[in-house]
Amino acid sequence: MQEDMRLSVFAEKKDKQLIYSPEKCIGCGTCVQACPKGNLAVGAVGAITRGLLDADFLEMKESESCLVCGICAKVCPTGALEMKQEGKTLTDMSYLFRAMKPTSVNENCVHCGLCEDICPQGCIEVTREISADGKLKLVGKTNIDTECCVHCGWCAEVCPVNAISVEKPFEGSWTRDEDICQTCHTCVEVCPANAIFNKKAKPGEQVEKISHRPDACIYCGACAVACPVDAIDVRKTAVLPSVEKKGVLEKKLLEAPVQPAQLRTCLETDEAACLGCGNCVIVCPVNALSDRELAAGHLNNMDEKALLGVKNGRISVIDQDRCGADGTCVLICPVDAIRLVKKEVE
C-alpha cells in the first residue's frame, strides 16, 4: 500500500495547479500523447524501473508555457496527474481516473488470498482467520487500494467465486516486430499489468521472443515507450469508462502511436575499472539490432558498432543519441564500469 506520496507542482496559472504524483506514474506516456503544447517528456522508463536511475518517469519541459488546461490529467489512467483549483482536487467525471469504476470486492469473497498473491502492483491486502463458529471457513477482510490499482483484471480473473469487479481504462492493439525485438526484457519489467512475458520453451521448441497477455493488458503504452529498439506498437482503440466529454479524450488518444521517449540519460564509463570483456557490447539491444551476428563471435570485429564498442581493451560509447536507456549494459557489467546518468530535458 502506498503512503506519504511525493507531490510535484508541474505548473501554476492563476488559481489552478497541475500536480504530479511520481509513485502513481507507470511511465506510459498517455499524457504526452494528449498534451497540446508538447510540454511533457517521458523516458528512461526501463532504467528507472530497474532501479538504475534515480528519477521520475515524467518531466515538464517548460512550466511557464503550460496552459494548465488539464487534458494530461484527464487522460491519465492512474491519477498520477491531477488538477487543483484553489487547493482542492478537481474530481469530476471528465477525468478518466475518477470516471473508472473502482476495483471492488463483494460479500461473496472467501478471503482465499489468490488476488493478493497475483496483483502485479501489490495493492490488495487480505487478512483472514479460521471462523470461530465451528464451521470450516475463513473470515476476514479483503482491502483494495484503489489509488494504486491499474485495473489490469488479474484479481477478477483468478477469483474462484467471482467476487471482484474491474473496469479497464482502454481497449487497444498490441503488436511486436519479431525481427526487431532483441529480447532485452525491458518491456517485461516495465509492464505495470504483468501482460508481457517470456514463454518457457521445451527442448528443441521455438517460441516467440516476447509473448503478450491481451486479457491483462491495459494498453497504456509503457512497454512501447521503454523499448530501446522501437519493436513494440501500442494503440488505444477505445476509452471504456463513461467519461464526460469522452470525445475530447478519444480525439487525442485513439489510434495514435506512442510518442517517442525523450532521451533523458547519457552513458558514463570508468575506463580504469573496465575489464574489456565486451559483455555490454553484446547485450546492448541497439548493437544487436545493427549486427545480428554480434553475439555469435563478431565481438572482435570492433568496427561499425552502433552504440557501444571496445577499443584498446576498454569500453567506448560511440553514439549517445542512439541509447534507449534500458540499462541492459549496466546490469551485466561485472565491475560497474558503465552507468546511466540523468541529463536535463532539452
Protein backbone atom coordinates (compact mmCIF):
# COMPACT_ATOMS: atom_id res chain seq x y z
CA MET A 1 0.00 0.00 0.00
CA GLN A 2 1.23 3.47 -0.85
CA GLU A 3 1.83 6.04 1.87
CA ASP A 4 3.29 9.54 2.10
CA MET A 5 3.33 10.19 -1.64
CA ARG A 6 5.65 12.82 -3.04
CA LEU A 7 3.94 15.59 -4.98
CA SER A 8 5.49 17.92 -7.57
CA VAL A 9 3.88 21.12 -8.76
CA PHE A 10 4.35 20.94 -12.53
CA ALA A 11 2.68 24.22 -13.43
CA GLU A 12 0.55 27.01 -11.97
CA LYS A 13 -1.72 29.57 -13.53
CA LYS A 14 -4.00 31.87 -11.55
CA ASP A 15 -5.83 29.63 -9.07
CA LYS A 16 -5.04 26.33 -10.82
CA GLN A 17 -2.20 23.88 -10.28
CA LEU A 18 -1.07 20.79 -12.18
CA ILE A 19 0.23 18.26 -9.65
CA TYR A 20 2.34 15.16 -10.38
CA SER A 21 2.49 12.10 -8.08
CA PRO A 22 5.54 10.05 -9.17
CA GLU A 23 4.53 7.00 -7.11
CA LYS A 24 1.34 6.63 -9.14
CA CYS A 25 3.03 7.09 -12.53
CA ILE A 26 3.62 3.99 -14.68
CA GLY A 27 5.62 5.74 -17.41
CA CYS A 28 3.02 5.09 -20.10
CA GLY A 29 3.24 8.48 -21.81
CA THR A 30 -0.53 8.79 -22.33
CA CYS A 31 -0.30 12.35 -21.04
CA VAL A 32 2.49 13.08 -23.52
CA GLN A 33 0.19 11.97 -26.35
CA ALA A 34 -2.51 14.35 -25.21
CA CYS A 35 -0.54 17.50 -24.29
CA PRO A 36 -1.45 20.23 -26.82
CA LYS A 37 1.81 22.09 -26.20
CA GLY A 38 4.18 19.11 -26.23
CA ASN A 39 5.45 20.19 -22.83
CA LEU A 40 5.66 16.78 -21.16
CA ALA A 41 8.57 14.35 -21.55
CA VAL A 42 8.71 10.69 -20.60
CA GLY A 43 11.76 8.49 -20.92
CA ALA A 44 14.31 6.20 -19.25
CA VAL A 45 11.36 4.06 -18.16
CA GLY A 46 13.43 0.90 -18.32
CA ALA A 47 16.35 2.25 -16.34
CA ILE A 48 14.11 3.79 -13.67
CA THR A 49 12.04 0.63 -13.27
CA ARG A 50 15.22 -1.43 -12.91
CA GLY A 51 16.48 0.88 -10.18
CA LEU A 52 19.44 2.07 -12.24
CA LEU A 53 18.42 5.72 -12.31
CA ASP A 54 17.05 7.86 -9.51
CA ALA A 55 14.50 9.89 -11.42
CA ASP A 56 10.79 10.19 -12.15
CA PHE A 57 9.26 8.84 -15.34
CA LEU A 58 7.72 12.19 -16.28
CA GLU A 59 9.05 15.73 -16.51
CA MET A 60 7.67 19.09 -17.52
CA LYS A 61 9.87 20.80 -20.13
CA GLU A 62 8.71 24.39 -19.70
CA SER A 63 6.23 25.05 -16.92
CA GLU A 64 5.90 28.68 -17.99
CA SER A 65 4.37 27.73 -21.33
CA CYS A 66 1.98 25.13 -19.86
CA LEU A 67 -1.64 26.14 -20.39
CA VAL A 68 -2.73 24.28 -17.23
CA CYS A 69 -5.62 23.05 -19.36
CA GLY A 70 -5.71 19.72 -17.55
CA ILE A 71 -6.03 17.47 -20.59
CA CYS A 72 -2.98 15.49 -19.43
CA ALA A 73 -4.62 14.86 -16.06
CA LYS A 74 -7.89 13.89 -17.72
CA VAL A 75 -6.31 11.12 -19.81
CA CYS A 76 -4.01 9.74 -17.09
CA PRO A 77 -5.21 6.20 -16.28
CA THR A 78 -3.65 6.09 -12.81
CA GLY A 79 -4.30 9.55 -11.40
CA ALA A 80 -0.60 10.43 -11.38
CA LEU A 81 -1.52 13.87 -12.71
CA GLU A 82 -4.24 15.89 -11.08
CA MET A 83 -5.64 19.36 -11.29
CA LYS A 84 -6.22 21.52 -8.26
CA GLN A 85 -8.22 24.71 -8.08
CA GLU A 86 -7.84 26.90 -5.04
CA GLY A 87 -6.05 23.99 -3.40
CA LYS A 88 -8.85 21.46 -3.96
CA THR A 89 -8.50 18.48 -6.31
CA LEU A 90 -10.90 18.51 -9.26
CA THR A 91 -12.68 15.17 -9.25
CA ASP A 92 -15.48 15.47 -11.80
CA MET A 93 -16.22 12.68 -14.24
CA SER A 94 -14.27 14.27 -17.10
CA TYR A 95 -11.15 12.69 -15.57
CA LEU A 96 -10.58 9.11 -16.69
CA PHE A 97 -9.11 8.01 -13.36
CA ARG A 98 -12.16 9.31 -11.49
CA ALA A 99 -14.70 8.06 -14.04
CA MET A 100 -13.39 4.50 -13.94
CA LYS A 101 -15.33 2.30 -11.57
CA PRO A 102 -13.02 1.42 -8.67
CA THR A 103 -11.98 -2.21 -8.43
CA SER A 104 -14.26 -3.65 -5.79
CA VAL A 105 -14.90 -6.86 -3.89
CA ASN A 106 -18.33 -8.06 -2.78
CA GLU A 107 -19.68 -10.21 0.04
CA ASN A 108 -19.06 -13.43 -1.92
CA CYS A 109 -15.34 -13.13 -1.13
CA VAL A 110 -13.93 -16.12 0.76
CA HIS A 111 -10.64 -14.35 1.59
CA CYS A 112 -8.55 -17.05 -0.05
CA GLY A 113 -5.77 -14.58 -0.89
CA LEU A 114 -5.32 -15.51 -4.56
CA CYS A 115 -5.95 -11.89 -5.59
CA GLU A 116 -3.34 -10.65 -3.14
CA ASP A 117 -0.81 -13.14 -4.47
CA ILE A 118 -1.37 -12.28 -8.14
CA CYS A 119 -1.75 -8.48 -8.06
CA PRO A 120 1.19 -7.04 -10.04
CA GLN A 121 1.03 -3.76 -8.12
CA GLY A 122 0.72 -5.27 -4.64
CA CYS A 123 -2.36 -3.18 -3.91
CA ILE A 124 -4.51 -5.92 -2.35
CA GLU A 125 -4.28 -6.91 1.30
CA VAL A 126 -6.17 -9.89 2.70
CA THR A 127 -6.50 -10.54 6.42
CA ARG A 128 -8.09 -13.83 7.39
CA GLU A 129 -8.52 -16.31 10.21
CA ILE A 130 -10.41 -19.54 10.78
CA SER A 131 -14.04 -18.99 11.69
CA ALA A 132 -14.79 -19.27 15.39
CA ASP A 133 -18.36 -20.54 14.87
CA GLY A 134 -17.34 -24.14 14.28
CA LYS A 135 -17.76 -24.01 10.50
CA LEU A 136 -14.95 -24.85 8.09
CA LYS A 137 -14.47 -21.44 6.57
CA LEU A 138 -12.26 -18.37 6.62
CA VAL A 139 -13.39 -14.97 7.81
CA GLY A 140 -11.60 -11.69 7.30
CA LYS A 141 -11.29 -8.68 5.04
CA THR A 142 -10.04 -8.05 1.50
CA ASN A 143 -8.90 -4.47 1.04
CA ILE A 144 -8.05 -3.00 -2.37
CA ASP A 145 -6.01 0.20 -2.56
CA THR A 146 -7.86 1.81 -5.45
CA GLU A 147 -5.32 4.62 -5.66
CA CYS A 148 -2.56 2.29 -6.89
CA CYS A 149 -4.74 -0.20 -8.80
CA VAL A 150 -4.04 -0.16 -12.56
CA HIS A 151 -7.24 -2.08 -13.47
CA CYS A 152 -5.42 -4.98 -15.11
CA GLY A 153 -8.04 -7.55 -14.09
CA TRP A 154 -5.75 -10.24 -12.70
CA CYS A 155 -7.62 -10.30 -9.39
CA ALA A 156 -11.01 -10.78 -11.01
CA GLU A 157 -9.64 -13.47 -13.30
CA VAL A 158 -8.25 -15.67 -10.51
CA CYS A 159 -11.08 -15.12 -8.02
CA PRO A 160 -12.77 -18.52 -7.52
CA VAL A 161 -16.14 -17.00 -6.54
CA ASN A 162 -16.36 -14.04 -8.95
CA ALA A 163 -16.30 -11.58 -6.07
CA ILE A 164 -14.19 -8.88 -7.75
CA SER A 165 -15.26 -6.33 -10.36
CA VAL A 166 -12.78 -4.44 -12.55
CA GLU A 167 -13.27 -1.82 -15.25
CA LYS A 168 -10.46 -1.38 -17.77
CA PRO A 169 -9.34 2.07 -18.95
CA PHE A 170 -8.80 1.24 -22.62
CA GLU A 171 -9.23 -1.30 -25.36
CA GLY A 172 -6.41 -1.44 -27.83
CA SER A 173 -3.99 -3.29 -30.04
CA TRP A 174 -0.51 -4.55 -29.19
CA THR A 175 2.00 -5.67 -31.79
CA ARG A 176 5.68 -6.52 -31.71
CA ASP A 177 8.08 -6.88 -34.62
CA GLU A 178 9.74 -10.24 -34.06
CA ASP A 179 12.66 -9.30 -36.32
CA ILE A 180 13.41 -6.07 -34.46
CA CYS A 181 12.87 -7.34 -30.91
CA GLN A 182 16.16 -8.19 -29.18
CA THR A 183 14.65 -9.91 -26.12
CA CYS A 184 16.22 -7.44 -23.69
CA HIS A 185 13.20 -7.99 -21.36
CA THR A 186 12.78 -4.26 -20.74
CA CYS A 187 9.12 -4.44 -21.71
CA VAL A 188 8.56 -7.40 -19.39
CA GLU A 189 9.92 -5.46 -16.43
CA VAL A 190 8.16 -2.14 -17.07
CA CYS A 191 4.68 -3.55 -17.78
CA PRO A 192 2.51 -2.49 -14.82
CA ALA A 193 -0.02 -5.23 -15.53
CA ASN A 194 2.24 -8.27 -15.99
CA ALA A 195 0.83 -8.54 -19.50
CA ILE A 196 4.16 -9.31 -21.22
CA PHE A 197 6.20 -12.42 -20.53
CA ASN A 198 8.65 -14.95 -21.90
CA LYS A 199 7.24 -18.37 -22.70
CA LYS A 200 9.19 -21.34 -21.41
CA ALA A 201 10.36 -23.42 -24.32
CA LYS A 202 10.68 -27.17 -24.29
CA PRO A 203 13.90 -28.69 -25.68
CA GLY A 204 14.01 -28.08 -29.42
CA GLU A 205 10.88 -25.93 -29.37
CA GLN A 206 10.92 -22.48 -30.96
CA VAL A 207 8.77 -19.84 -29.27
CA GLU A 208 8.22 -16.16 -29.92
CA LYS A 209 10.71 -13.84 -28.25
CA ILE A 210 8.14 -11.96 -26.18
CA SER A 211 4.54 -13.04 -25.53
CA HIS A 212 1.50 -10.94 -24.68
CA ARG A 213 -1.50 -11.48 -22.40
CA PRO A 214 -4.33 -9.46 -24.00
CA ASP A 215 -6.71 -10.01 -21.09
CA ALA A 216 -4.26 -8.42 -18.64
CA CYS A 217 -3.10 -5.58 -20.90
CA ILE A 218 -4.45 -2.08 -20.20
CA TYR A 219 -2.92 -0.73 -23.45
CA CYS A 220 -1.16 2.05 -21.58
CA GLY A 221 1.92 2.01 -23.85
CA ALA A 222 4.65 1.87 -21.20
CA CYS A 223 6.27 -1.08 -22.98
CA ALA A 224 6.45 0.83 -26.26
CA VAL A 225 7.92 3.89 -24.52
CA ALA A 226 10.57 1.73 -22.84
CA CYS A 227 11.54 -0.47 -25.80
CA PRO A 228 15.08 0.64 -26.80
CA VAL A 229 14.68 -0.51 -30.42
CA ASP A 230 11.05 0.56 -31.07
CA ALA A 231 9.91 -3.02 -31.67
CA ILE A 232 6.52 -2.55 -29.95
CA ASP A 233 3.48 -0.65 -31.17
CA VAL A 234 0.53 0.03 -28.87
CA ARG A 235 -2.64 1.78 -29.99
CA LYS A 236 -5.70 2.67 -27.94
CA THR A 237 -8.87 1.84 -29.85
CA ALA A 238 -11.49 2.76 -27.25
CA VAL A 239 -11.86 4.63 -23.96
CA LEU A 240 -14.01 2.26 -21.91
CA PRO A 241 -15.28 4.20 -18.85
CA SER A 242 -18.21 6.61 -19.12
CA VAL A 243 -16.10 9.74 -19.09
CA GLU A 244 -17.73 13.13 -19.52
CA LYS A 245 -16.68 14.81 -22.77
CA LYS A 246 -15.20 11.50 -23.89
CA GLY A 247 -14.91 12.76 -27.46
CA VAL A 248 -12.09 15.11 -26.46
CA LEU A 249 -10.09 12.23 -24.96
CA GLU A 250 -10.81 9.97 -27.93
CA LYS A 251 -9.67 12.61 -30.38
CA LYS A 252 -6.34 12.86 -28.58
CA LEU A 253 -5.71 9.17 -27.97
CA LEU A 254 -7.43 6.74 -30.30
CA GLU A 255 -5.21 5.07 -32.89
CA ALA A 256 -2.41 7.48 -32.02
CA PRO A 257 1.09 6.00 -31.86
CA VAL A 258 3.01 6.20 -28.61
CA GLN A 259 5.15 9.30 -28.54
CA PRO A 260 8.92 8.68 -28.82
CA ALA A 261 10.70 8.52 -25.49
CA GLN A 262 12.79 11.55 -24.57
CA LEU A 263 16.49 10.72 -24.22
CA ARG A 264 17.00 11.88 -20.66
CA THR A 265 20.18 9.96 -19.86
CA CYS A 266 23.73 9.62 -21.02
CA LEU A 267 26.19 6.79 -20.57
CA GLU A 268 29.25 7.33 -18.42
CA THR A 269 32.14 4.88 -18.34
CA ASP A 270 35.00 4.15 -15.99
CA GLU A 271 37.91 3.12 -18.20
CA ALA A 272 40.10 2.32 -15.21
CA ALA A 273 37.57 -0.21 -13.90
CA CYS A 274 36.66 -1.69 -17.30
CA LEU A 275 37.91 -5.22 -17.97
CA GLY A 276 37.28 -5.04 -21.70
CA CYS A 277 35.16 -8.19 -21.50
CA GLY A 278 32.66 -6.88 -24.04
CA ASN A 279 29.58 -8.19 -22.25
CA CYS A 280 27.90 -4.80 -22.52
CA VAL A 281 28.67 -4.64 -26.25
CA ILE A 282 27.00 -8.00 -26.81
CA VAL A 283 23.84 -7.47 -24.73
CA CYS A 284 23.15 -3.90 -25.90
CA PRO A 285 19.88 -4.25 -27.88
CA VAL A 286 20.79 -1.34 -30.16
CA ASN A 287 24.08 -3.02 -31.03
CA ALA A 288 22.37 -6.37 -31.54
CA LEU A 289 19.81 -4.86 -33.90
CA SER A 290 22.53 -3.39 -36.09
CA ASP A 291 24.67 -6.56 -36.12
CA ARG A 292 22.70 -9.78 -35.81
CA GLU A 293 25.86 -11.89 -35.55
CA LEU A 294 27.38 -9.84 -32.75
CA ALA A 295 26.71 -12.41 -30.05
CA ALA A 296 27.92 -15.24 -32.28
CA GLY A 297 31.57 -14.26 -32.34
CA HIS A 298 31.71 -10.88 -34.02
CA LEU A 299 32.75 -9.07 -30.84
CA ASN A 300 36.34 -8.99 -32.00
CA ASN A 301 35.32 -7.13 -35.15
CA MET A 302 35.32 -3.76 -33.46
CA ASP A 303 34.28 -1.64 -36.44
CA GLU A 304 30.83 -0.21 -37.07
CA LYS A 305 29.22 -0.85 -33.69
CA ALA A 306 26.07 1.23 -33.27
CA LEU A 307 26.25 2.32 -29.63
CA LEU A 308 28.91 0.53 -27.60
CA GLY A 309 32.28 -0.84 -28.59
CA VAL A 310 35.55 -1.95 -27.07
CA LYS A 311 38.67 -0.05 -28.04
CA ASN A 312 42.13 -0.88 -26.73
CA GLY A 313 40.59 -3.21 -24.19
CA ARG A 314 38.24 -0.57 -22.76
CA ILE A 315 34.57 0.27 -23.23
CA SER A 316 33.78 3.03 -25.70
CA VAL A 317 30.49 4.92 -26.21
CA ILE A 318 30.13 5.50 -29.93
CA ASP A 319 26.79 7.29 -30.27
CA GLN A 320 24.99 8.53 -27.13
CA ASP A 321 21.94 9.59 -29.10
CA ARG A 322 21.08 6.00 -30.05
CA CYS A 323 20.82 4.81 -26.44
CA GLY A 324 17.38 3.52 -25.41
CA ALA A 325 18.06 3.99 -21.68
CA ASP A 326 17.11 0.40 -20.94
CA GLY A 327 20.18 -0.18 -18.77
CA THR A 328 20.89 -3.71 -20.00
CA CYS A 329 24.59 -2.88 -20.31
CA VAL A 330 24.68 -1.60 -16.74
CA LEU A 331 23.01 -4.73 -15.43
CA ILE A 332 25.55 -7.08 -17.00
CA CYS A 333 28.77 -5.19 -16.23
CA PRO A 334 30.68 -7.17 -13.55
CA VAL A 335 32.69 -4.17 -12.30
CA ASP A 336 30.27 -1.21 -12.56
CA ALA A 337 32.32 0.35 -15.34
CA ILE A 338 29.29 1.72 -17.16
CA ARG A 339 26.28 3.59 -15.82
CA LEU A 340 23.38 5.76 -16.88
CA VAL A 341 23.21 9.29 -15.50
CA LYS A 342 20.40 11.77 -15.82
CA LYS A 343 20.66 14.77 -18.08
CA GLU A 344 18.40 17.78 -18.31
CA VAL A 345 15.39 17.69 -20.61
CA GLU A 346 16.05 19.80 -23.65
